[in-house]
mmCIF file of all heavy atoms, coordinates in Angstrom:
data_MODEL
# 
_entry.id   MODEL 
# 
loop_
_atom_site.group_PDB 
_atom_site.id 
_atom_site.type_symbol 
_atom_site.label_atom_id 
_atom_site.label_alt_id 
_atom_site.label_comp_id 
_atom_site.label_asym_id 
_atom_site.label_entity_id 
_atom_site.label_seq_id 
_atom_site.pdbx_PDB_ins_code 
_atom_site.Cartn_x 
_atom_site.Cartn_y 
_atom_site.Cartn_z 
_atom_site.occupancy 
_atom_site.B_iso_or_equiv 
_atom_site.pdbx_formal_charge 
_atom_site.auth_seq_id 
_atom_site.auth_comp_id 
_atom_site.auth_asym_id 
_atom_site.auth_atom_id 
_atom_site.pdbx_PDB_model_num 
ATOM 1   N N   . ASP A 1 1  ? -6.332  -2.030  9.393  1.00 0.00 ? 1  ASP A N   1 
ATOM 2   C CA  . ASP A 1 1  ? -5.725  -2.391  10.669 1.00 0.00 ? 1  ASP A CA  1 
ATOM 3   C C   . ASP A 1 1  ? -6.547  -3.393  11.464 1.00 0.00 ? 1  ASP A C   1 
ATOM 4   O O   . ASP A 1 1  ? -6.004  -4.114  12.307 1.00 0.00 ? 1  ASP A O   1 
ATOM 5   C CB  . ASP A 1 1  ? -5.532  -1.128  11.514 1.00 0.00 ? 1  ASP A CB  1 
ATOM 6   C CG  . ASP A 1 1  ? -4.618  -0.124  10.832 1.00 0.00 ? 1  ASP A CG  1 
ATOM 7   O OD1 . ASP A 1 1  ? -3.386  -0.324  10.886 1.00 0.00 ? 1  ASP A OD1 1 
ATOM 8   O OD2 . ASP A 1 1  ? -5.125  0.835   10.226 1.00 0.00 ? 1  ASP A OD2 1 
ATOM 9   N N   . ARG A 1 2  ? -7.854  -3.431  11.194 1.00 0.00 ? 2  ARG A N   1 
ATOM 10  C CA  . ARG A 1 2  ? -8.710  -4.384  11.911 1.00 0.00 ? 2  ARG A CA  1 
ATOM 11  C C   . ARG A 1 2  ? -9.863  -4.796  11.004 1.00 0.00 ? 2  ARG A C   1 
ATOM 12  O O   . ARG A 1 2  ? -10.533 -3.946  10.413 1.00 0.00 ? 2  ARG A O   1 
ATOM 13  C CB  . ARG A 1 2  ? -9.255  -3.753  13.193 1.00 0.00 ? 2  ARG A CB  1 
ATOM 14  C CG  . ARG A 1 2  ? -10.230 -4.654  13.969 1.00 0.00 ? 2  ARG A CG  1 
ATOM 15  C CD  . ARG A 1 2  ? -10.790 -3.929  15.192 1.00 0.00 ? 2  ARG A CD  1 
ATOM 16  N NE  . ARG A 1 2  ? -11.883 -4.691  15.808 1.00 0.00 ? 2  ARG A NE  1 
ATOM 17  C CZ  . ARG A 1 2  ? -12.681 -4.217  16.772 1.00 0.00 ? 2  ARG A CZ  1 
ATOM 18  N NH1 . ARG A 1 2  ? -12.480 -2.999  17.248 1.00 0.00 ? 2  ARG A NH1 1 
ATOM 19  N NH2 . ARG A 1 2  ? -13.658 -4.960  17.263 1.00 0.00 ? 2  ARG A NH2 1 
ATOM 20  N N   . VAL A 1 3  ? -10.061 -6.097  10.884 1.00 0.00 ? 3  VAL A N   1 
ATOM 21  C CA  . VAL A 1 3  ? -11.183 -6.621  10.109 1.00 0.00 ? 3  VAL A CA  1 
ATOM 22  C C   . VAL A 1 3  ? -12.321 -6.940  11.076 1.00 0.00 ? 3  VAL A C   1 
ATOM 23  O O   . VAL A 1 3  ? -12.132 -7.675  12.052 1.00 0.00 ? 3  VAL A O   1 
ATOM 24  C CB  . VAL A 1 3  ? -10.784 -7.877  9.313  1.00 0.00 ? 3  VAL A CB  1 
ATOM 25  C CG1 . VAL A 1 3  ? -11.986 -8.435  8.563  1.00 0.00 ? 3  VAL A CG1 1 
ATOM 26  C CG2 . VAL A 1 3  ? -9.657  -7.550  8.336  1.00 0.00 ? 3  VAL A CG2 1 
ATOM 27  N N   . LEU A 1 4  ? -13.479 -6.379  10.802 1.00 0.00 ? 4  LEU A N   1 
ATOM 28  C CA  . LEU A 1 4  ? -14.626 -6.513  11.693 1.00 0.00 ? 4  LEU A CA  1 
ATOM 29  C C   . LEU A 1 4  ? -15.561 -7.633  11.247 1.00 0.00 ? 4  LEU A C   1 
ATOM 30  O O   . LEU A 1 4  ? -15.588 -8.000  10.063 1.00 0.00 ? 4  LEU A O   1 
ATOM 31  C CB  . LEU A 1 4  ? -15.413 -5.205  11.725 1.00 0.00 ? 4  LEU A CB  1 
ATOM 32  C CG  . LEU A 1 4  ? -14.633 -3.953  12.141 1.00 0.00 ? 4  LEU A CG  1 
ATOM 33  C CD1 . LEU A 1 4  ? -15.462 -2.711  11.886 1.00 0.00 ? 4  LEU A CD1 1 
ATOM 34  C CD2 . LEU A 1 4  ? -14.226 -4.036  13.611 1.00 0.00 ? 4  LEU A CD2 1 
ATOM 35  N N   . LYS A 1 5  ? -16.325 -8.128  12.179 1.00 0.00 ? 5  LYS A N   1 
ATOM 36  C CA  . LYS A 1 5  ? -17.377 -9.100  11.895 1.00 0.00 ? 5  LYS A CA  1 
ATOM 37  C C   . LYS A 1 5  ? -18.721 -8.517  12.328 1.00 0.00 ? 5  LYS A C   1 
ATOM 38  O O   . LYS A 1 5  ? -18.782 -7.567  13.122 1.00 0.00 ? 5  LYS A O   1 
ATOM 39  C CB  . LYS A 1 5  ? -17.103 -10.419 12.634 1.00 0.00 ? 5  LYS A CB  1 
ATOM 40  C CG  . LYS A 1 5  ? -15.852 -11.140 12.154 1.00 0.00 ? 5  LYS A CG  1 
ATOM 41  C CD  . LYS A 1 5  ? -15.669 -12.469 12.885 1.00 0.00 ? 5  LYS A CD  1 
ATOM 42  C CE  . LYS A 1 5  ? -14.442 -13.209 12.385 1.00 0.00 ? 5  LYS A CE  1 
ATOM 43  N NZ  . LYS A 1 5  ? -14.252 -14.511 13.075 1.00 0.00 ? 5  LYS A NZ  1 
ATOM 44  N N   . HIS A 1 6  ? -19.788 -9.095  11.791 1.00 0.00 ? 6  HIS A N   1 
ATOM 45  C CA  . HIS A 1 6  ? -21.138 -8.665  12.144 1.00 0.00 ? 6  HIS A CA  1 
ATOM 46  C C   . HIS A 1 6  ? -21.316 -8.645  13.660 1.00 0.00 ? 6  HIS A C   1 
ATOM 47  O O   . HIS A 1 6  ? -21.013 -9.632  14.343 1.00 0.00 ? 6  HIS A O   1 
ATOM 48  C CB  . HIS A 1 6  ? -22.156 -9.610  11.512 1.00 0.00 ? 6  HIS A CB  1 
ATOM 49  C CG  . HIS A 1 6  ? -23.571 -9.383  11.961 1.00 0.00 ? 6  HIS A CG  1 
ATOM 50  N ND1 . HIS A 1 6  ? -24.252 -8.221  11.708 1.00 0.00 ? 6  HIS A ND1 1 
ATOM 51  C CD2 . HIS A 1 6  ? -24.423 -10.179 12.668 1.00 0.00 ? 6  HIS A CD2 1 
ATOM 52  C CE1 . HIS A 1 6  ? -25.476 -8.304  12.228 1.00 0.00 ? 6  HIS A CE1 1 
ATOM 53  N NE2 . HIS A 1 6  ? -25.591 -9.478  12.806 1.00 0.00 ? 6  HIS A NE2 1 
ATOM 54  N N   . GLY A 1 7  ? -21.756 -7.512  14.183 1.00 0.00 ? 7  GLY A N   1 
ATOM 55  C CA  . GLY A 1 7  ? -21.998 -7.394  15.617 1.00 0.00 ? 7  GLY A CA  1 
ATOM 56  C C   . GLY A 1 7  ? -20.834 -6.852  16.416 1.00 0.00 ? 7  GLY A C   1 
ATOM 57  O O   . GLY A 1 7  ? -20.996 -6.577  17.616 1.00 0.00 ? 7  GLY A O   1 
ATOM 58  N N   . ASP A 1 8  ? -19.673 -6.682  15.787 1.00 0.00 ? 8  ASP A N   1 
ATOM 59  C CA  . ASP A 1 8  ? -18.531 -6.124  16.513 1.00 0.00 ? 8  ASP A CA  1 
ATOM 60  C C   . ASP A 1 8  ? -18.821 -4.694  16.957 1.00 0.00 ? 8  ASP A C   1 
ATOM 61  O O   . ASP A 1 8  ? -19.616 -3.977  16.347 1.00 0.00 ? 8  ASP A O   1 
ATOM 62  C CB  . ASP A 1 8  ? -17.278 -6.137  15.632 1.00 0.00 ? 8  ASP A CB  1 
ATOM 63  C CG  . ASP A 1 8  ? -16.568 -7.480  15.628 1.00 0.00 ? 8  ASP A CG  1 
ATOM 64  O OD1 . ASP A 1 8  ? -16.985 -8.371  16.382 1.00 0.00 ? 8  ASP A OD1 1 
ATOM 65  O OD2 . ASP A 1 8  ? -15.604 -7.640  14.847 1.00 0.00 ? 8  ASP A OD2 1 
ATOM 66  N N   . VAL A 1 9  ? -18.138 -4.291  18.022 1.00 0.00 ? 9  VAL A N   1 
ATOM 67  C CA  . VAL A 1 9  ? -18.299 -2.949  18.562 1.00 0.00 ? 9  VAL A CA  1 
ATOM 68  C C   . VAL A 1 9  ? -16.962 -2.223  18.475 1.00 0.00 ? 9  VAL A C   1 
ATOM 69  O O   . VAL A 1 9  ? -15.916 -2.766  18.855 1.00 0.00 ? 9  VAL A O   1 
ATOM 70  C CB  . VAL A 1 9  ? -18.784 -2.984  20.023 1.00 0.00 ? 9  VAL A CB  1 
ATOM 71  C CG1 . VAL A 1 9  ? -18.861 -1.567  20.597 1.00 0.00 ? 9  VAL A CG1 1 
ATOM 72  C CG2 . VAL A 1 9  ? -20.150 -3.665  20.111 1.00 0.00 ? 9  VAL A CG2 1 
ATOM 73  N N   . VAL A 1 10 ? -16.996 -1.003  17.963 1.00 0.00 ? 10 VAL A N   1 
ATOM 74  C CA  . VAL A 1 10 ? -15.819 -0.137  17.903 1.00 0.00 ? 10 VAL A CA  1 
ATOM 75  C C   . VAL A 1 10 ? -15.992 0.933   18.974 1.00 0.00 ? 10 VAL A C   1 
ATOM 76  O O   . VAL A 1 10 ? -16.993 1.666   18.983 1.00 0.00 ? 10 VAL A O   1 
ATOM 77  C CB  . VAL A 1 10 ? -15.680 0.517   16.507 1.00 0.00 ? 10 VAL A CB  1 
ATOM 78  C CG1 . VAL A 1 10 ? -14.550 1.535   16.510 1.00 0.00 ? 10 VAL A CG1 1 
ATOM 79  C CG2 . VAL A 1 10 ? -15.458 -0.556  15.448 1.00 0.00 ? 10 VAL A CG2 1 
ATOM 80  N N   . SER A 1 11 ? -15.035 1.011   19.892 1.00 0.00 ? 11 SER A N   1 
ATOM 81  C CA  . SER A 1 11 ? -15.168 1.912   21.040 1.00 0.00 ? 11 SER A CA  1 
ATOM 82  C C   . SER A 1 11 ? -14.024 2.910   21.097 1.00 0.00 ? 11 SER A C   1 
ATOM 83  O O   . SER A 1 11 ? -12.865 2.575   20.813 1.00 0.00 ? 11 SER A O   1 
ATOM 84  C CB  . SER A 1 11 ? -15.192 1.102   22.346 1.00 0.00 ? 11 SER A CB  1 
ATOM 85  O OG  . SER A 1 11 ? -16.279 0.206   22.368 1.00 0.00 ? 11 SER A OG  1 
ATOM 86  N N   . LEU A 1 12 ? -14.365 4.130   21.472 1.00 0.00 ? 12 LEU A N   1 
ATOM 87  C CA  . LEU A 1 12 ? -13.358 5.175   21.659 1.00 0.00 ? 12 LEU A CA  1 
ATOM 88  C C   . LEU A 1 12 ? -13.972 6.276   22.520 1.00 0.00 ? 12 LEU A C   1 
ATOM 89  O O   . LEU A 1 12 ? -15.055 6.780   22.208 1.00 0.00 ? 12 LEU A O   1 
ATOM 90  C CB  . LEU A 1 12 ? -12.912 5.757   20.318 1.00 0.00 ? 12 LEU A CB  1 
ATOM 91  C CG  . LEU A 1 12 ? -11.851 6.868   20.393 1.00 0.00 ? 12 LEU A CG  1 
ATOM 92  C CD1 . LEU A 1 12 ? -10.498 6.294   20.848 1.00 0.00 ? 12 LEU A CD1 1 
ATOM 93  C CD2 . LEU A 1 12 ? -11.691 7.568   19.045 1.00 0.00 ? 12 LEU A CD2 1 
ATOM 94  N N   . GLY A 1 13 ? -13.285 6.625   23.596 1.00 0.00 ? 13 GLY A N   1 
ATOM 95  C CA  . GLY A 1 13 ? -13.695 7.765   24.406 1.00 0.00 ? 13 GLY A CA  1 
ATOM 96  C C   . GLY A 1 13 ? -15.130 7.733   24.886 1.00 0.00 ? 13 GLY A C   1 
ATOM 97  O O   . GLY A 1 13 ? -15.784 8.779   24.965 1.00 0.00 ? 13 GLY A O   1 
ATOM 98  N N   . GLY A 1 14 ? -15.634 6.552   25.218 1.00 0.00 ? 14 GLY A N   1 
ATOM 99  C CA  . GLY A 1 14 ? -16.990 6.437   25.715 1.00 0.00 ? 14 GLY A CA  1 
ATOM 100 C C   . GLY A 1 14 ? -18.045 6.274   24.635 1.00 0.00 ? 14 GLY A C   1 
ATOM 101 O O   . GLY A 1 14 ? -19.227 6.068   24.939 1.00 0.00 ? 14 GLY A O   1 
ATOM 102 N N   . VAL A 1 15 ? -17.640 6.341   23.375 1.00 0.00 ? 15 VAL A N   1 
ATOM 103 C CA  . VAL A 1 15 ? -18.559 6.108   22.263 1.00 0.00 ? 15 VAL A CA  1 
ATOM 104 C C   . VAL A 1 15 ? -18.429 4.659   21.817 1.00 0.00 ? 15 VAL A C   1 
ATOM 105 O O   . VAL A 1 15 ? -17.318 4.167   21.587 1.00 0.00 ? 15 VAL A O   1 
ATOM 106 C CB  . VAL A 1 15 ? -18.251 7.053   21.072 1.00 0.00 ? 15 VAL A CB  1 
ATOM 107 C CG1 . VAL A 1 15 ? -19.050 6.645   19.839 1.00 0.00 ? 15 VAL A CG1 1 
ATOM 108 C CG2 . VAL A 1 15 ? -18.565 8.489   21.444 1.00 0.00 ? 15 VAL A CG2 1 
ATOM 109 N N   . ASN A 1 16 ? -19.549 3.985   21.686 1.00 0.00 ? 16 ASN A N   1 
ATOM 110 C CA  . ASN A 1 16 ? -19.578 2.600   21.232 1.00 0.00 ? 16 ASN A CA  1 
ATOM 111 C C   . ASN A 1 16 ? -20.400 2.501   19.957 1.00 0.00 ? 16 ASN A C   1 
ATOM 112 O O   . ASN A 1 16 ? -21.603 2.776   19.966 1.00 0.00 ? 16 ASN A O   1 
ATOM 113 C CB  . ASN A 1 16 ? -20.176 1.699   22.310 1.00 0.00 ? 16 ASN A CB  1 
ATOM 114 C CG  . ASN A 1 16 ? -19.374 1.715   23.593 1.00 0.00 ? 16 ASN A CG  1 
ATOM 115 O OD1 . ASN A 1 16 ? -18.177 1.452   23.590 1.00 0.00 ? 16 ASN A OD1 1 
ATOM 116 N ND2 . ASN A 1 16 ? -20.026 2.040   24.693 1.00 0.00 ? 16 ASN A ND2 1 
ATOM 117 N N   . LEU A 1 17 ? -19.752 2.111   18.869 1.00 0.00 ? 17 LEU A N   1 
ATOM 118 C CA  . LEU A 1 17 ? -20.405 1.958   17.575 1.00 0.00 ? 17 LEU A CA  1 
ATOM 119 C C   . LEU A 1 17 ? -20.552 0.472   17.273 1.00 0.00 ? 17 LEU A C   1 
ATOM 120 O O   . LEU A 1 17 ? -19.567 -0.254  17.193 1.00 0.00 ? 17 LEU A O   1 
ATOM 121 C CB  . LEU A 1 17 ? -19.565 2.609   16.471 1.00 0.00 ? 17 LEU A CB  1 
ATOM 122 C CG  . LEU A 1 17 ? -19.655 4.130   16.342 1.00 0.00 ? 17 LEU A CG  1 
ATOM 123 C CD1 . LEU A 1 17 ? -18.413 4.664   15.644 1.00 0.00 ? 17 LEU A CD1 1 
ATOM 124 C CD2 . LEU A 1 17 ? -20.892 4.527   15.571 1.00 0.00 ? 17 LEU A CD2 1 
ATOM 125 N N   . THR A 1 18 ? -21.784 0.022   17.096 1.00 0.00 ? 18 THR A N   1 
ATOM 126 C CA  . THR A 1 18 ? -22.043 -1.376  16.774 1.00 0.00 ? 18 THR A CA  1 
ATOM 127 C C   . THR A 1 18 ? -22.153 -1.536  15.268 1.00 0.00 ? 18 THR A C   1 
ATOM 128 O O   . THR A 1 18 ? -22.874 -0.781  14.595 1.00 0.00 ? 18 THR A O   1 
ATOM 129 C CB  . THR A 1 18 ? -23.343 -1.861  17.431 1.00 0.00 ? 18 THR A CB  1 
ATOM 130 O OG1 . THR A 1 18 ? -23.214 -1.726  18.855 1.00 0.00 ? 18 THR A OG1 1 
ATOM 131 C CG2 . THR A 1 18 ? -23.609 -3.324  17.092 1.00 0.00 ? 18 THR A CG2 1 
ATOM 132 N N   . ALA A 1 19 ? -21.427 -2.511  14.732 1.00 0.00 ? 19 ALA A N   1 
ATOM 133 C CA  . ALA A 1 19 ? -21.385 -2.749  13.286 1.00 0.00 ? 19 ALA A CA  1 
ATOM 134 C C   . ALA A 1 19 ? -22.367 -3.850  12.902 1.00 0.00 ? 19 ALA A C   1 
ATOM 135 O O   . ALA A 1 19 ? -22.226 -4.991  13.339 1.00 0.00 ? 19 ALA A O   1 
ATOM 136 C CB  . ALA A 1 19 ? -19.973 -3.135  12.860 1.00 0.00 ? 19 ALA A CB  1 
ATOM 137 N N   . THR A 1 20 ? -23.353 -3.502  12.090 1.00 0.00 ? 20 THR A N   1 
ATOM 138 C CA  . THR A 1 20 ? -24.294 -4.480  11.550 1.00 0.00 ? 20 THR A CA  1 
ATOM 139 C C   . THR A 1 20 ? -23.957 -4.711  10.085 1.00 0.00 ? 20 THR A C   1 
ATOM 140 O O   . THR A 1 20 ? -24.024 -3.786  9.280  1.00 0.00 ? 20 THR A O   1 
ATOM 141 C CB  . THR A 1 20 ? -25.746 -3.980  11.674 1.00 0.00 ? 20 THR A CB  1 
ATOM 142 O OG1 . THR A 1 20 ? -26.063 -3.767  13.048 1.00 0.00 ? 20 THR A OG1 1 
ATOM 143 C CG2 . THR A 1 20 ? -26.716 -4.988  11.077 1.00 0.00 ? 20 THR A CG2 1 
ATOM 144 N N   . GLN A 1 21 ? -23.559 -5.934  9.750  1.00 0.00 ? 21 GLN A N   1 
ATOM 145 C CA  . GLN A 1 21 ? -23.223 -6.258  8.361  1.00 0.00 ? 21 GLN A CA  1 
ATOM 146 C C   . GLN A 1 21 ? -24.520 -6.510  7.589  1.00 0.00 ? 21 GLN A C   1 
ATOM 147 O O   . GLN A 1 21 ? -25.321 -7.361  7.946  1.00 0.00 ? 21 GLN A O   1 
ATOM 148 C CB  . GLN A 1 21 ? -22.328 -7.491  8.292  1.00 0.00 ? 21 GLN A CB  1 
ATOM 149 C CG  . GLN A 1 21 ? -21.853 -7.811  6.871  1.00 0.00 ? 21 GLN A CG  1 
ATOM 150 C CD  . GLN A 1 21 ? -20.932 -9.024  6.827  1.00 0.00 ? 21 GLN A CD  1 
ATOM 151 O OE1 . GLN A 1 21 ? -20.827 -9.772  7.794  1.00 0.00 ? 21 GLN A OE1 1 
ATOM 152 N NE2 . GLN A 1 21 ? -20.258 -9.219  5.712  1.00 0.00 ? 21 GLN A NE2 1 
ATOM 153 N N   . VAL A 1 22 ? -24.687 -5.750  6.507  1.00 0.00 ? 22 VAL A N   1 
ATOM 154 C CA  . VAL A 1 22 ? -25.902 -5.825  5.691  1.00 0.00 ? 22 VAL A CA  1 
ATOM 155 C C   . VAL A 1 22 ? -25.489 -6.087  4.246  1.00 0.00 ? 22 VAL A C   1 
ATOM 156 O O   . VAL A 1 22 ? -25.349 -5.168  3.441  1.00 0.00 ? 22 VAL A O   1 
ATOM 157 C CB  . VAL A 1 22 ? -26.718 -4.518  5.803  1.00 0.00 ? 22 VAL A CB  1 
ATOM 158 C CG1 . VAL A 1 22 ? -28.004 -4.611  4.991  1.00 0.00 ? 22 VAL A CG1 1 
ATOM 159 C CG2 . VAL A 1 22 ? -27.038 -4.207  7.270  1.00 0.00 ? 22 VAL A CG2 1 
ATOM 160 N N   . PRO A 1 23 ? -25.260 -7.336  3.882  1.00 0.00 ? 23 PRO A N   1 
ATOM 161 C CA  . PRO A 1 23 ? -24.780 -7.632  2.523  1.00 0.00 ? 23 PRO A CA  1 
ATOM 162 C C   . PRO A 1 23 ? -25.846 -7.337  1.469  1.00 0.00 ? 23 PRO A C   1 
ATOM 163 O O   . PRO A 1 23 ? -27.032 -7.253  1.764  1.00 0.00 ? 23 PRO A O   1 
ATOM 164 C CB  . PRO A 1 23 ? -24.477 -9.132  2.591  1.00 0.00 ? 23 PRO A CB  1 
ATOM 165 C CG  . PRO A 1 23 ? -25.358 -9.651  3.682  1.00 0.00 ? 23 PRO A CG  1 
ATOM 166 C CD  . PRO A 1 23 ? -25.454 -8.558  4.688  1.00 0.00 ? 23 PRO A CD  1 
ATOM 167 N N   . GLY A 1 24 ? -25.356 -7.185  0.236  1.00 0.00 ? 24 GLY A N   1 
ATOM 168 C CA  . GLY A 1 24 ? -26.246 -6.922  -0.893 1.00 0.00 ? 24 GLY A CA  1 
ATOM 169 C C   . GLY A 1 24 ? -25.726 -5.763  -1.714 1.00 0.00 ? 24 GLY A C   1 
ATOM 170 O O   . GLY A 1 24 ? -25.379 -5.917  -2.883 1.00 0.00 ? 24 GLY A O   1 
ATOM 171 N N   . HIS A 1 25 ? -25.651 -4.597  -1.100 1.00 0.00 ? 25 HIS A N   1 
ATOM 172 C CA  . HIS A 1 25 ? -25.100 -3.428  -1.792 1.00 0.00 ? 25 HIS A CA  1 
ATOM 173 C C   . HIS A 1 25 ? -23.617 -3.656  -2.057 1.00 0.00 ? 25 HIS A C   1 
ATOM 174 O O   . HIS A 1 25 ? -23.132 -3.490  -3.171 1.00 0.00 ? 25 HIS A O   1 
ATOM 175 C CB  . HIS A 1 25 ? -25.332 -2.189  -0.940 1.00 0.00 ? 25 HIS A CB  1 
ATOM 176 C CG  . HIS A 1 25 ? -25.173 -0.898  -1.669 1.00 0.00 ? 25 HIS A CG  1 
ATOM 177 N ND1 . HIS A 1 25 ? -25.896 -0.568  -2.793 1.00 0.00 ? 25 HIS A ND1 1 
ATOM 178 C CD2 . HIS A 1 25 ? -24.358 0.168   -1.430 1.00 0.00 ? 25 HIS A CD2 1 
ATOM 179 C CE1 . HIS A 1 25 ? -25.543 0.632   -3.212 1.00 0.00 ? 25 HIS A CE1 1 
ATOM 180 N NE2 . HIS A 1 25 ? -24.604 1.093   -2.410 1.00 0.00 ? 25 HIS A NE2 1 
ATOM 181 N N   . THR A 1 26 ? -22.910 -4.010  -1.010 1.00 0.00 ? 26 THR A N   1 
ATOM 182 C CA  . THR A 1 26 ? -21.558 -4.580  -1.089 1.00 0.00 ? 26 THR A CA  1 
ATOM 183 C C   . THR A 1 26 ? -21.538 -5.743  -0.100 1.00 0.00 ? 26 THR A C   1 
ATOM 184 O O   . THR A 1 26 ? -22.374 -5.809  0.806  1.00 0.00 ? 26 THR A O   1 
ATOM 185 C CB  . THR A 1 26 ? -20.448 -3.569  -0.707 1.00 0.00 ? 26 THR A CB  1 
ATOM 186 O OG1 . THR A 1 26 ? -20.559 -3.257  0.694  1.00 0.00 ? 26 THR A OG1 1 
ATOM 187 C CG2 . THR A 1 26 ? -20.544 -2.299  -1.531 1.00 0.00 ? 26 THR A CG2 1 
# 
């Protein structure tokens, strides 16, 4: 439903999850 980029933030109900893309493993 949503494609994320390095540094994007996913927020819900006061929780903020920051996505760090770390290539190599996948």
